[in-house]
Structure formats: C-alpha cells, structure tokens
C-alpha cells in the first residue's frame, strides 16, 4: 500500500478516513480541497487546478482524497488502493451540519488557510443535486478499477470501522496488502 485513492460524496468522511489511513500506513495525505480552493474560498480555474492534481498524483506515496473527477483516471492509474465511502445522503447531510457547527468561522485542517467554515446553502443544494450522479461516477470508477487494485466499497460507518481495524491488524503484522472487493 503506497498510493491510496479515497472517493465519495461530500460529508462521507473522506478527509477523516484519509488522515486515519495515512497515520496507520505512514503515508502523506493530499486533500483535494487544498488544490481546489485558494484563501478566501476562491476556486482555482480548471487550467490551474488540473496540473496541480496531476503533479500531486505523481508523488511516490500518498493518500489522495477528494474530487476533481477530471483527474480520477490518472490518479487511478497510479493508485494501488481505491476506497469508496458510499454513505446515505441523510447521514452525509447530518455530518456536514455537525462539521459546520464544530468549525464555524475557523478553517478545517483539510482546507487551505483563509477558508473558514460557513453555512453554505449552495453547497447543501449541490449535495442534494448530485446525490445520484456523483454516486454513479464513483460506482463507474470502482467498476473500472483493474484487478491489480485493492478495492474497498464502504457502505456504512460499521464498514469504515471494520476497514480501519483490518488495516491496523495488517500494519501490525507487516502486511498492508489487504483487499476487500
């Protein structure tokens, strides 16, 4: 396990899982939001951010979480592990709400400096509008993952906890090549 790609829709827990996997596997984390946003919630243009994503994917080791699906195929080519966190939209709304309450006015660790958490109705609307299309894109990526990839489809909080427990056991045994397809 050298390059782990984590996908999922907003509020699924990608950033949290990325930090946990990175800690267990001793890998650096790449948060997509650091490449997507600049200070002040200014979105980078496609022409700016695509090269940043592609350059980051060329690093020798990483846990790369997040979007910019335009670069998923390149990241998937480099990844040895794909994790899809596929949680219900109601749970994801609840998590986003809790996140806003916890971090309101402060910048989360998975965001660039100067991007304080806020209540963003446009973002809430985006979560609802893309609940089916985003899930379909994740499913397609997972279906196209090569046989050489360890693929993990985590559909519940219990699945996430079980995956992390299995990863800890594998790390303790010196074997991080586990797979749950």
N, C-alpha and C. Protein backbone atom coordinates (compact mmCIF):
# COMPACT_ATOMS: atom_id res chain seq x y z
N UNK A 1 0.85 -1.17 0.00
CA UNK A 1 0.00 0.00 0.00
C UNK A 1 0.90 1.24 0.00
N UNK A 2 0.92 1.89 -1.17
CA UNK A 2 1.75 3.08 -1.30
C UNK A 2 0.95 4.30 -1.76
N UNK A 3 -0.09 4.04 -2.55
CA UNK A 3 -0.91 5.14 -3.06
C UNK A 3 -2.39 4.74 -2.94
N UNK A 4 -3.09 5.46 -2.06
CA UNK A 4 -4.48 5.16 -1.73
C UNK A 4 -5.35 6.30 -2.23
N UNK A 5 -6.33 5.97 -3.05
CA UNK A 5 -7.27 6.96 -3.57
C UNK A 5 -8.60 6.78 -2.84
N UNK A 6 -9.08 7.87 -2.22
CA UNK A 6 -10.35 7.83 -1.50
C UNK A 6 -11.34 8.74 -2.21
N UNK A 7 -12.48 8.16 -2.57
CA UNK A 7 -13.54 8.91 -3.22
C UNK A 7 -14.82 8.80 -2.41
N UNK A 8 -15.75 9.69 -2.66
CA UNK A 8 -17.04 9.70 -2.00
C UNK A 8 -17.63 11.08 -2.14
N UNK A 9 -18.88 11.17 -1.81
CA UNK A 9 -19.57 12.44 -1.95
C UNK A 9 -19.37 13.30 -0.70
N UNK A 10 -19.71 14.58 -0.77
CA UNK A 10 -19.50 15.48 0.36
C UNK A 10 -20.13 14.94 1.65
N UNK A 11 -19.38 15.04 2.73
CA UNK A 11 -19.86 14.61 4.03
C UNK A 11 -19.70 13.12 4.29
N UNK A 12 -19.08 12.41 3.37
CA UNK A 12 -18.94 10.96 3.55
C UNK A 12 -17.82 10.59 4.51
N UNK A 13 -16.90 11.51 4.76
CA UNK A 13 -15.80 11.23 5.68
C UNK A 13 -14.47 10.97 5.00
N UNK A 14 -14.31 11.46 3.78
CA UNK A 14 -13.07 11.24 3.03
C UNK A 14 -11.85 11.79 3.76
N UNK A 15 -11.94 13.02 4.22
CA UNK A 15 -10.78 13.65 4.87
C UNK A 15 -10.41 12.94 6.17
N UNK A 16 -11.41 12.60 6.95
CA UNK A 16 -11.16 11.90 8.21
C UNK A 16 -10.53 10.54 7.95
N UNK A 17 -11.10 9.79 7.01
CA UNK A 17 -10.54 8.47 6.70
C UNK A 17 -9.13 8.61 6.14
N UNK A 18 -8.90 9.62 5.31
CA UNK A 18 -7.56 9.82 4.74
C UNK A 18 -6.53 10.02 5.85
N UNK A 19 -6.86 10.84 6.84
CA UNK A 19 -5.93 11.06 7.94
C UNK A 19 -5.68 9.77 8.72
N UNK A 20 -6.72 8.98 8.94
CA UNK A 20 -6.58 7.73 9.69
C UNK A 20 -5.76 6.71 8.92
N UNK A 21 -6.04 6.55 7.63
CA UNK A 21 -5.27 5.61 6.81
C UNK A 21 -3.81 6.04 6.74
N UNK A 22 -3.59 7.34 6.56
CA UNK A 22 -2.23 7.86 6.47
C UNK A 22 -1.45 7.59 7.75
N UNK A 23 -2.10 7.76 8.88
CA UNK A 23 -1.43 7.51 10.16
C UNK A 23 -1.05 6.04 10.31
N UNK A 24 -1.95 5.16 9.95
CA UNK A 24 -1.70 3.72 10.08
C UNK A 24 -0.62 3.27 9.09
N UNK A 25 -0.72 3.74 7.86
CA UNK A 25 0.18 3.29 6.79
C UNK A 25 1.44 4.14 6.65
N UNK A 26 1.55 5.20 7.44
CA UNK A 26 2.70 6.11 7.38
C UNK A 26 2.87 6.70 5.98
N UNK A 27 1.77 7.29 5.48
CA UNK A 27 1.76 7.91 4.16
C UNK A 27 1.34 9.37 4.29
N UNK A 28 1.79 10.22 3.37
CA UNK A 28 1.34 11.62 3.39
C UNK A 28 -0.07 11.72 2.81
N UNK A 29 -0.81 12.74 3.27
CA UNK A 29 -2.18 12.97 2.80
C UNK A 29 -2.19 14.12 1.81
N UNK A 30 -2.96 13.95 0.75
CA UNK A 30 -3.23 15.03 -0.19
C UNK A 30 -4.74 15.27 -0.13
N UNK A 31 -5.14 16.46 0.34
CA UNK A 31 -6.55 16.83 0.39
C UNK A 31 -6.88 17.60 -0.89
N UNK A 32 -7.85 17.12 -1.65
CA UNK A 32 -8.24 17.77 -2.89
C UNK A 32 -8.63 19.23 -2.67
N UNK A 33 -9.24 19.52 -1.53
CA UNK A 33 -9.67 20.90 -1.29
C UNK A 33 -8.50 21.87 -1.20
N UNK A 34 -7.31 21.38 -0.82
CA UNK A 34 -6.13 22.25 -0.81
C UNK A 34 -5.73 22.66 -2.23
N UNK A 35 -6.03 21.80 -3.18
CA UNK A 35 -5.69 22.09 -4.57
C UNK A 35 -6.83 22.82 -5.29
N UNK A 36 -8.04 22.60 -4.83
CA UNK A 36 -9.23 23.16 -5.46
C UNK A 36 -9.45 24.63 -5.07
N UNK A 37 -9.22 24.94 -3.79
CA UNK A 37 -9.52 26.27 -3.26
C UNK A 37 -8.25 27.05 -2.95
N UNK A 38 -8.37 28.38 -3.03
CA UNK A 38 -7.36 29.29 -2.53
C UNK A 38 -7.98 30.03 -1.35
N UNK A 39 -7.16 30.76 -0.62
CA UNK A 39 -7.64 31.52 0.53
C UNK A 39 -8.85 32.37 0.14
N UNK A 40 -9.80 32.47 1.07
CA UNK A 40 -10.99 33.27 0.82
C UNK A 40 -12.05 32.53 0.03
N UNK A 41 -11.97 31.21 -0.05
CA UNK A 41 -12.91 30.39 -0.81
C UNK A 41 -12.91 30.77 -2.28
N UNK A 42 -11.74 31.10 -2.81
CA UNK A 42 -11.61 31.40 -4.23
C UNK A 42 -11.27 30.09 -4.93
N UNK A 43 -12.14 29.70 -5.87
CA UNK A 43 -11.92 28.44 -6.59
C UNK A 43 -10.89 28.64 -7.69
N UNK A 44 -9.95 27.72 -7.75
CA UNK A 44 -8.97 27.77 -8.84
C UNK A 44 -9.67 27.42 -10.15
N UNK A 45 -9.16 27.96 -11.23
CA UNK A 45 -9.69 27.61 -12.56
C UNK A 45 -9.27 26.18 -12.90
N UNK A 46 -9.99 25.58 -13.84
CA UNK A 46 -9.62 24.23 -14.31
C UNK A 46 -8.18 24.22 -14.80
N UNK A 47 -7.80 25.26 -15.52
CA UNK A 47 -6.44 25.33 -16.08
C UNK A 47 -5.38 25.37 -14.98
N UNK A 48 -5.74 25.92 -13.83
CA UNK A 48 -4.80 25.97 -12.69
C UNK A 48 -4.78 24.66 -11.91
N UNK A 49 -5.99 24.16 -11.59
CA UNK A 49 -6.03 23.05 -10.65
C UNK A 49 -5.72 21.70 -11.27
N UNK A 50 -6.06 21.47 -12.52
CA UNK A 50 -5.78 20.16 -13.12
C UNK A 50 -4.30 19.82 -13.06
N UNK A 51 -3.39 20.72 -13.45
CA UNK A 51 -1.96 20.39 -13.32
C UNK A 51 -1.54 20.13 -11.87
N UNK A 52 -2.14 20.85 -10.92
CA UNK A 52 -1.81 20.61 -9.50
C UNK A 52 -2.19 19.19 -9.09
N UNK A 53 -3.38 18.75 -9.50
CA UNK A 53 -3.83 17.39 -9.18
C UNK A 53 -2.92 16.36 -9.85
N UNK A 54 -2.61 16.58 -11.12
CA UNK A 54 -1.77 15.62 -11.84
C UNK A 54 -0.36 15.56 -11.27
N UNK A 55 0.20 16.71 -10.91
CA UNK A 55 1.53 16.73 -10.28
C UNK A 55 1.52 16.00 -8.94
N UNK A 56 0.50 16.25 -8.14
CA UNK A 56 0.40 15.59 -6.83
C UNK A 56 0.30 14.08 -7.00
N UNK A 57 -0.43 13.64 -8.02
CA UNK A 57 -0.59 12.20 -8.25
C UNK A 57 0.72 11.52 -8.62
N UNK A 58 1.70 12.28 -9.08
CA UNK A 58 2.99 11.70 -9.47
C UNK A 58 3.92 11.46 -8.29
N UNK A 59 3.53 11.93 -7.13
CA UNK A 59 4.36 11.68 -5.94
C UNK A 59 4.46 10.18 -5.68
N UNK A 60 5.53 9.74 -5.05
CA UNK A 60 5.72 8.29 -4.89
C UNK A 60 4.74 7.63 -3.92
N UNK A 61 4.27 8.39 -2.93
CA UNK A 61 3.36 7.82 -1.94
C UNK A 61 2.32 8.87 -1.57
N UNK A 62 1.11 8.40 -1.30
CA UNK A 62 0.06 9.30 -0.87
C UNK A 62 -1.21 8.57 -0.47
N UNK A 63 -2.01 9.30 0.30
CA UNK A 63 -3.43 9.02 0.47
C UNK A 63 -4.09 10.26 -0.11
N UNK A 64 -4.72 10.11 -1.25
CA UNK A 64 -5.27 11.23 -2.01
C UNK A 64 -6.79 11.16 -1.91
N UNK A 65 -7.37 12.12 -1.21
CA UNK A 65 -8.82 12.10 -1.03
C UNK A 65 -9.46 13.26 -1.76
N UNK A 66 -10.60 12.96 -2.35
CA UNK A 66 -11.41 14.04 -2.87
C UNK A 66 -11.67 14.01 -4.35
N UNK A 67 -12.27 15.09 -4.78
CA UNK A 67 -12.84 15.21 -6.10
C UNK A 67 -11.90 15.58 -7.22
N UNK A 68 -12.40 16.44 -8.07
CA UNK A 68 -11.84 16.78 -9.37
C UNK A 68 -11.76 15.52 -10.21
N UNK A 69 -12.95 15.03 -10.52
CA UNK A 69 -13.07 13.75 -11.22
C UNK A 69 -12.41 13.77 -12.60
N UNK A 70 -12.11 14.95 -13.12
CA UNK A 70 -11.40 15.03 -14.40
C UNK A 70 -10.03 14.37 -14.31
N UNK A 71 -9.50 14.24 -13.11
CA UNK A 71 -8.17 13.62 -12.94
C UNK A 71 -8.25 12.24 -12.29
N UNK A 72 -9.45 11.71 -12.13
CA UNK A 72 -9.58 10.39 -11.48
C UNK A 72 -8.86 9.30 -12.24
N UNK A 73 -8.94 9.29 -13.55
CA UNK A 73 -8.30 8.19 -14.29
C UNK A 73 -6.79 8.20 -14.11
N UNK A 74 -6.18 9.38 -14.11
CA UNK A 74 -4.73 9.46 -13.89
C UNK A 74 -4.36 9.03 -12.48
N UNK A 75 -5.16 9.46 -11.51
CA UNK A 75 -4.90 9.04 -10.13
C UNK A 75 -5.11 7.53 -9.97
N UNK A 76 -6.16 7.02 -10.61
CA UNK A 76 -6.44 5.59 -10.53
C UNK A 76 -5.30 4.77 -11.15
N UNK A 77 -4.73 5.26 -12.23
CA UNK A 77 -3.59 4.58 -12.86
C UNK A 77 -2.44 4.43 -11.88
N UNK A 78 -2.23 5.42 -11.02
CA UNK A 78 -1.12 5.40 -10.07
C UNK A 78 -1.46 4.69 -8.76
N UNK A 79 -2.73 4.67 -8.40
CA UNK A 79 -3.14 4.11 -7.11
C UNK A 79 -2.99 2.58 -7.09
N UNK A 80 -2.69 2.08 -5.90
CA UNK A 80 -2.73 0.62 -5.71
C UNK A 80 -3.97 0.23 -4.91
N UNK A 81 -4.62 1.24 -4.30
CA UNK A 81 -5.79 1.01 -3.46
C UNK A 81 -6.84 2.07 -3.76
N UNK A 82 -8.09 1.63 -3.90
CA UNK A 82 -9.22 2.54 -4.08
C UNK A 82 -10.21 2.29 -2.95
N UNK A 83 -10.60 3.35 -2.27
CA UNK A 83 -11.62 3.27 -1.23
C UNK A 83 -12.76 4.20 -1.62
N UNK A 84 -13.96 3.63 -1.71
CA UNK A 84 -15.15 4.42 -1.98
C UNK A 84 -16.00 4.41 -0.72
N UNK A 85 -16.18 5.59 -0.13
CA UNK A 85 -17.07 5.73 1.02
C UNK A 85 -18.44 6.13 0.46
N UNK A 86 -19.39 5.23 0.58
CA UNK A 86 -20.68 5.33 -0.08
C UNK A 86 -21.79 5.34 0.98
N UNK A 87 -21.97 6.49 1.62
CA UNK A 87 -22.93 6.60 2.72
C UNK A 87 -24.22 7.28 2.26
N UNK A 88 -25.32 7.02 2.96
CA UNK A 88 -26.61 7.63 2.59
C UNK A 88 -26.57 9.15 2.68
N UNK A 89 -27.34 9.80 1.83
CA UNK A 89 -27.35 11.26 1.77
C UNK A 89 -27.82 11.86 3.10
N UNK A 90 -28.73 11.22 3.80
CA UNK A 90 -29.19 11.77 5.08
C UNK A 90 -28.06 11.82 6.09
N UNK A 91 -27.26 10.77 6.15
CA UNK A 91 -26.11 10.76 7.06
C UNK A 91 -25.10 11.81 6.64
N UNK A 92 -24.90 11.96 5.35
CA UNK A 92 -23.94 12.96 4.87
C UNK A 92 -24.41 14.38 5.20
N UNK A 93 -25.71 14.68 5.07
CA UNK A 93 -26.23 15.99 5.47
C UNK A 93 -25.99 16.22 6.96
N UNK A 94 -26.25 15.21 7.77
CA UNK A 94 -26.04 15.32 9.21
C UNK A 94 -24.57 15.63 9.50
N UNK A 95 -23.66 14.93 8.83
CA UNK A 95 -22.23 15.15 9.06
C UNK A 95 -21.80 16.55 8.64
N UNK A 96 -22.31 17.03 7.52
CA UNK A 96 -21.97 18.38 7.08
C UNK A 96 -22.49 19.40 8.09
N UNK A 97 -23.70 19.18 8.61
CA UNK A 97 -24.25 20.08 9.62
C UNK A 97 -23.38 20.09 10.87
N UNK A 98 -23.00 18.91 11.34
CA UNK A 98 -22.13 18.84 12.52
C UNK A 98 -20.79 19.52 12.26
N UNK A 99 -20.26 19.34 11.05
CA UNK A 99 -18.98 19.96 10.69
C UNK A 99 -19.09 21.48 10.73
N UNK A 100 -20.17 22.02 10.19
CA UNK A 100 -20.38 23.47 10.20
C UNK A 100 -20.44 23.97 11.64
N UNK A 101 -21.19 23.28 12.49
CA UNK A 101 -21.31 23.70 13.88
C UNK A 101 -19.98 23.62 14.61
N UNK A 102 -19.22 22.58 14.34
CA UNK A 102 -17.94 22.40 15.04
C UNK A 102 -16.89 23.43 14.60
N UNK A 103 -16.83 23.70 13.30
CA UNK A 103 -15.74 24.51 12.76
C UNK A 103 -16.17 25.92 12.35
N UNK A 104 -17.41 26.31 12.55
CA UNK A 104 -17.91 27.59 12.06
C UNK A 104 -16.94 28.73 12.37
N UNK A 105 -16.57 29.47 11.31
CA UNK A 105 -15.69 30.62 11.46
C UNK A 105 -14.21 30.27 11.55
N UNK A 106 -13.89 28.98 11.57
CA UNK A 106 -12.48 28.55 11.62
C UNK A 106 -12.20 27.65 10.42
N UNK A 107 -10.94 27.56 10.06
CA UNK A 107 -10.55 26.74 8.91
C UNK A 107 -10.24 25.32 9.35
N UNK A 108 -10.89 24.35 8.70
CA UNK A 108 -10.63 22.93 8.98
C UNK A 108 -9.24 22.56 8.46
N UNK A 109 -8.66 21.49 9.01
CA UNK A 109 -7.32 21.07 8.56
C UNK A 109 -7.25 20.63 7.09
N UNK A 110 -8.37 20.22 6.52
CA UNK A 110 -8.35 19.75 5.14
C UNK A 110 -8.65 20.86 4.13
N UNK A 111 -8.64 22.10 4.61
CA UNK A 111 -8.85 23.26 3.73
C UNK A 111 -7.65 24.19 3.80
N UNK A 112 -7.43 24.99 2.75
CA UNK A 112 -6.34 25.97 2.81
C UNK A 112 -6.65 27.07 3.83
N UNK A 113 -5.61 27.70 4.33
CA UNK A 113 -5.79 28.83 5.25
C UNK A 113 -6.70 29.87 4.61
N UNK A 114 -7.50 30.51 5.44
CA UNK A 114 -8.36 31.58 4.94
C UNK A 114 -9.67 31.08 4.36
N UNK A 115 -10.03 29.83 4.63
CA UNK A 115 -11.32 29.28 4.19
C UNK A 115 -12.11 28.84 5.42
N UNK A 116 -12.61 29.80 6.19
CA UNK A 116 -13.34 29.44 7.40
C UNK A 116 -14.64 28.71 7.07
N UNK A 117 -14.99 27.76 7.92
CA UNK A 117 -16.23 27.01 7.74
C UNK A 117 -17.40 27.97 7.82
N UNK A 118 -18.39 27.70 6.99
CA UNK A 118 -19.56 28.57 6.91
C UNK A 118 -20.77 27.74 6.52
N UNK A 119 -21.95 28.28 6.75
CA UNK A 119 -23.17 27.66 6.27
C UNK A 119 -23.35 28.10 4.83
N UNK A 120 -23.32 27.16 3.93
CA UNK A 120 -23.33 27.47 2.51
C UNK A 120 -24.51 26.74 1.86
N UNK A 121 -25.59 27.46 1.61
CA UNK A 121 -26.79 26.86 1.03
C UNK A 121 -26.50 26.29 -0.36
N UNK A 122 -25.62 26.93 -1.11
CA UNK A 122 -25.25 26.42 -2.44
C UNK A 122 -24.62 25.04 -2.32
N UNK A 123 -23.78 24.85 -1.29
CA UNK A 123 -23.13 23.55 -1.08
C UNK A 123 -24.17 22.49 -0.68
N UNK A 124 -25.09 22.85 0.19
CA UNK A 124 -26.16 21.93 0.60
C UNK A 124 -26.97 21.52 -0.64
N UNK A 125 -27.29 22.48 -1.48
CA UNK A 125 -28.02 22.20 -2.72
C UNK A 125 -27.22 21.28 -3.63
N UNK A 126 -25.91 21.51 -3.71
CA UNK A 126 -25.03 20.67 -4.53
C UNK A 126 -25.07 19.21 -4.05
N UNK A 127 -25.03 19.02 -2.74
CA UNK A 127 -25.08 17.65 -2.19
C UNK A 127 -26.37 16.96 -2.64
N UNK A 128 -27.48 17.67 -2.58
CA UNK A 128 -28.76 17.08 -2.97
C UNK A 128 -28.83 16.83 -4.48
N UNK A 129 -28.41 17.82 -5.27
CA UNK A 129 -28.49 17.70 -6.73
C UNK A 129 -27.63 16.57 -7.28
N UNK A 130 -26.50 16.31 -6.63
CA UNK A 130 -25.54 15.33 -7.17
C UNK A 130 -25.59 13.99 -6.45
N UNK A 131 -26.61 13.77 -5.63
CA UNK A 131 -26.65 12.54 -4.84
C UNK A 131 -26.68 11.30 -5.72
N UNK A 132 -27.30 11.36 -6.88
CA UNK A 132 -27.34 10.20 -7.78
C UNK A 132 -26.19 10.22 -8.79
N UNK A 133 -25.95 11.37 -9.39
CA UNK A 133 -24.91 11.44 -10.42
C UNK A 133 -23.52 11.23 -9.83
N UNK A 134 -23.28 11.82 -8.65
CA UNK A 134 -21.99 11.63 -8.00
C UNK A 134 -21.76 10.19 -7.62
N UNK A 135 -22.80 9.56 -7.11
CA UNK A 135 -22.70 8.14 -6.74
C UNK A 135 -22.44 7.29 -7.98
N UNK A 136 -23.10 7.61 -9.08
CA UNK A 136 -22.91 6.85 -10.32
C UNK A 136 -21.47 6.98 -10.83
N UNK A 137 -20.89 8.17 -10.71
CA UNK A 137 -19.49 8.35 -11.14
C UNK A 137 -18.54 7.52 -10.28
N UNK A 138 -18.79 7.50 -8.97
CA UNK A 138 -17.96 6.70 -8.06
C UNK A 138 -18.10 5.21 -8.39
N UNK A 139 -19.33 4.78 -8.64
CA UNK A 139 -19.56 3.37 -8.97
C UNK A 139 -18.86 2.99 -10.27
N UNK A 140 -18.87 3.87 -11.25
CA UNK A 140 -18.21 3.59 -12.52
C UNK A 140 -16.70 3.48 -12.33
N UNK A 141 -16.12 4.37 -11.52
CA UNK A 141 -14.68 4.29 -11.27
C UNK A 141 -14.34 2.98 -10.58
N UNK A 142 -15.13 2.60 -9.61
CA UNK A 142 -14.87 1.35 -8.89
C UNK A 142 -15.00 0.15 -9.84
N UNK A 143 -16.01 0.17 -10.69
CA UNK A 143 -16.21 -0.94 -11.63
C UNK A 143 -15.05 -1.07 -12.61
N UNK A 144 -14.43 0.06 -12.94
CA UNK A 144 -13.33 0.05 -13.90
C UNK A 144 -11.96 -0.16 -13.27
N UNK A 145 -11.92 -0.27 -11.96
CA UNK A 145 -10.62 -0.48 -11.29
C UNK A 145 -10.04 -1.82 -11.74
N UNK A 146 -8.78 -1.82 -12.06
CA UNK A 146 -8.14 -3.04 -12.53
C UNK A 146 -8.00 -4.08 -11.43
N UNK A 147 -7.78 -5.30 -11.84
CA UNK A 147 -7.61 -6.41 -10.90
C UNK A 147 -6.38 -6.23 -10.02
N UNK A 148 -5.47 -5.35 -10.44
CA UNK A 148 -4.25 -5.11 -9.67
C UNK A 148 -4.48 -4.12 -8.51
N UNK A 149 -5.71 -3.61 -8.38
CA UNK A 149 -6.03 -2.64 -7.33
C UNK A 149 -6.74 -3.33 -6.17
N UNK A 150 -6.41 -2.94 -4.96
CA UNK A 150 -7.21 -3.33 -3.80
C UNK A 150 -8.38 -2.36 -3.75
N UNK A 151 -9.60 -2.88 -3.79
CA UNK A 151 -10.79 -2.04 -3.87
C UNK A 151 -11.65 -2.29 -2.64
N UNK A 152 -12.08 -1.18 -2.02
CA UNK A 152 -12.88 -1.25 -0.80
C UNK A 152 -14.10 -0.37 -0.97
N UNK A 153 -15.28 -0.95 -0.90
CA UNK A 153 -16.54 -0.22 -1.00
C UNK A 153 -17.15 -0.19 0.39
N UNK A 154 -17.07 0.95 1.04
CA UNK A 154 -17.51 1.09 2.43
C UNK A 154 -18.88 1.77 2.44
N UNK A 155 -19.92 1.03 2.84
CA UNK A 155 -21.30 1.49 2.73
C UNK A 155 -21.92 1.95 4.05
N UNK A 156 -21.16 1.87 5.13
CA UNK A 156 -21.72 2.26 6.43
C UNK A 156 -20.58 2.66 7.36
N UNK A 157 -20.96 3.26 8.48
CA UNK A 157 -19.94 3.59 9.49
C UNK A 157 -19.29 2.32 10.00
N UNK A 158 -20.05 1.26 10.10
CA UNK A 158 -19.51 -0.03 10.54
C UNK A 158 -18.46 -0.55 9.54
N UNK A 159 -18.74 -0.40 8.25
CA UNK A 159 -17.76 -0.80 7.23
C UNK A 159 -16.46 -0.01 7.38
N UNK A 160 -16.59 1.29 7.62
CA UNK A 160 -15.40 2.14 7.78
C UNK A 160 -14.60 1.69 9.00
N UNK A 161 -15.28 1.46 10.11
CA UNK A 161 -14.60 1.00 11.33
C UNK A 161 -13.94 -0.35 11.10
N UNK A 162 -14.63 -1.24 10.43
CA UNK A 162 -14.08 -2.57 10.13
C UNK A 162 -12.86 -2.49 9.24
N UNK A 163 -12.92 -1.61 8.24
CA UNK A 163 -11.78 -1.43 7.36
C UNK A 163 -10.56 -0.94 8.15
N UNK A 164 -10.77 0.06 8.99
CA UNK A 164 -9.66 0.60 9.77
C UNK A 164 -9.10 -0.44 10.73
N UNK A 165 -9.95 -1.25 11.33
CA UNK A 165 -9.48 -2.31 12.23
C UNK A 165 -8.65 -3.32 11.46
N UNK A 166 -9.11 -3.70 10.27
CA UNK A 166 -8.36 -4.65 9.44
C UNK A 166 -7.03 -4.04 9.00
N UNK A 167 -7.03 -2.77 8.68
CA UNK A 167 -5.80 -2.09 8.28
C UNK A 167 -4.80 -2.05 9.43
N UNK A 168 -5.29 -1.77 10.63
CA UNK A 168 -4.40 -1.77 11.80
C UNK A 168 -3.79 -3.15 12.04
N UNK A 169 -4.62 -4.19 11.92
CA UNK A 169 -4.10 -5.55 12.08
C UNK A 169 -3.06 -5.87 11.02
N UNK A 170 -3.34 -5.49 9.78
CA UNK A 170 -2.39 -5.73 8.69
C UNK A 170 -1.09 -4.98 8.93
N UNK A 171 -1.19 -3.74 9.38
CA UNK A 171 0.01 -2.94 9.65
C UNK A 171 0.81 -3.56 10.78
N UNK A 172 0.12 -4.04 11.82
CA UNK A 172 0.81 -4.67 12.95
C UNK A 172 1.52 -5.94 12.51
N UNK A 173 0.94 -6.62 11.53
CA UNK A 173 1.54 -7.85 11.01
C UNK A 173 2.52 -7.61 9.88
N UNK A 174 2.72 -6.34 9.52
CA UNK A 174 3.66 -6.01 8.45
C UNK A 174 3.12 -6.29 7.06
N UNK A 175 1.79 -6.40 6.93
CA UNK A 175 1.20 -6.70 5.62
C UNK A 175 0.06 -5.74 5.33
N UNK A 176 0.34 -4.73 4.55
CA UNK A 176 -0.72 -3.77 4.18
C UNK A 176 -1.33 -4.05 2.81
N UNK A 177 -1.16 -5.25 2.31
CA UNK A 177 -1.71 -5.60 1.00
C UNK A 177 -3.08 -6.23 1.09
N UNK A 178 -3.89 -5.89 2.09
CA UNK A 178 -5.21 -6.49 2.25
C UNK A 178 -6.17 -5.99 1.19
N UNK A 179 -7.17 -6.75 0.87
CA UNK A 179 -8.16 -6.36 -0.13
C UNK A 179 -9.54 -6.87 0.28
N UNK A 180 -10.53 -6.02 0.10
CA UNK A 180 -11.94 -6.38 0.31
C UNK A 180 -12.70 -5.87 -0.90
N UNK A 181 -12.94 -6.70 -1.85
CA UNK A 181 -13.64 -6.27 -3.06
C UNK A 181 -15.11 -6.45 -2.90
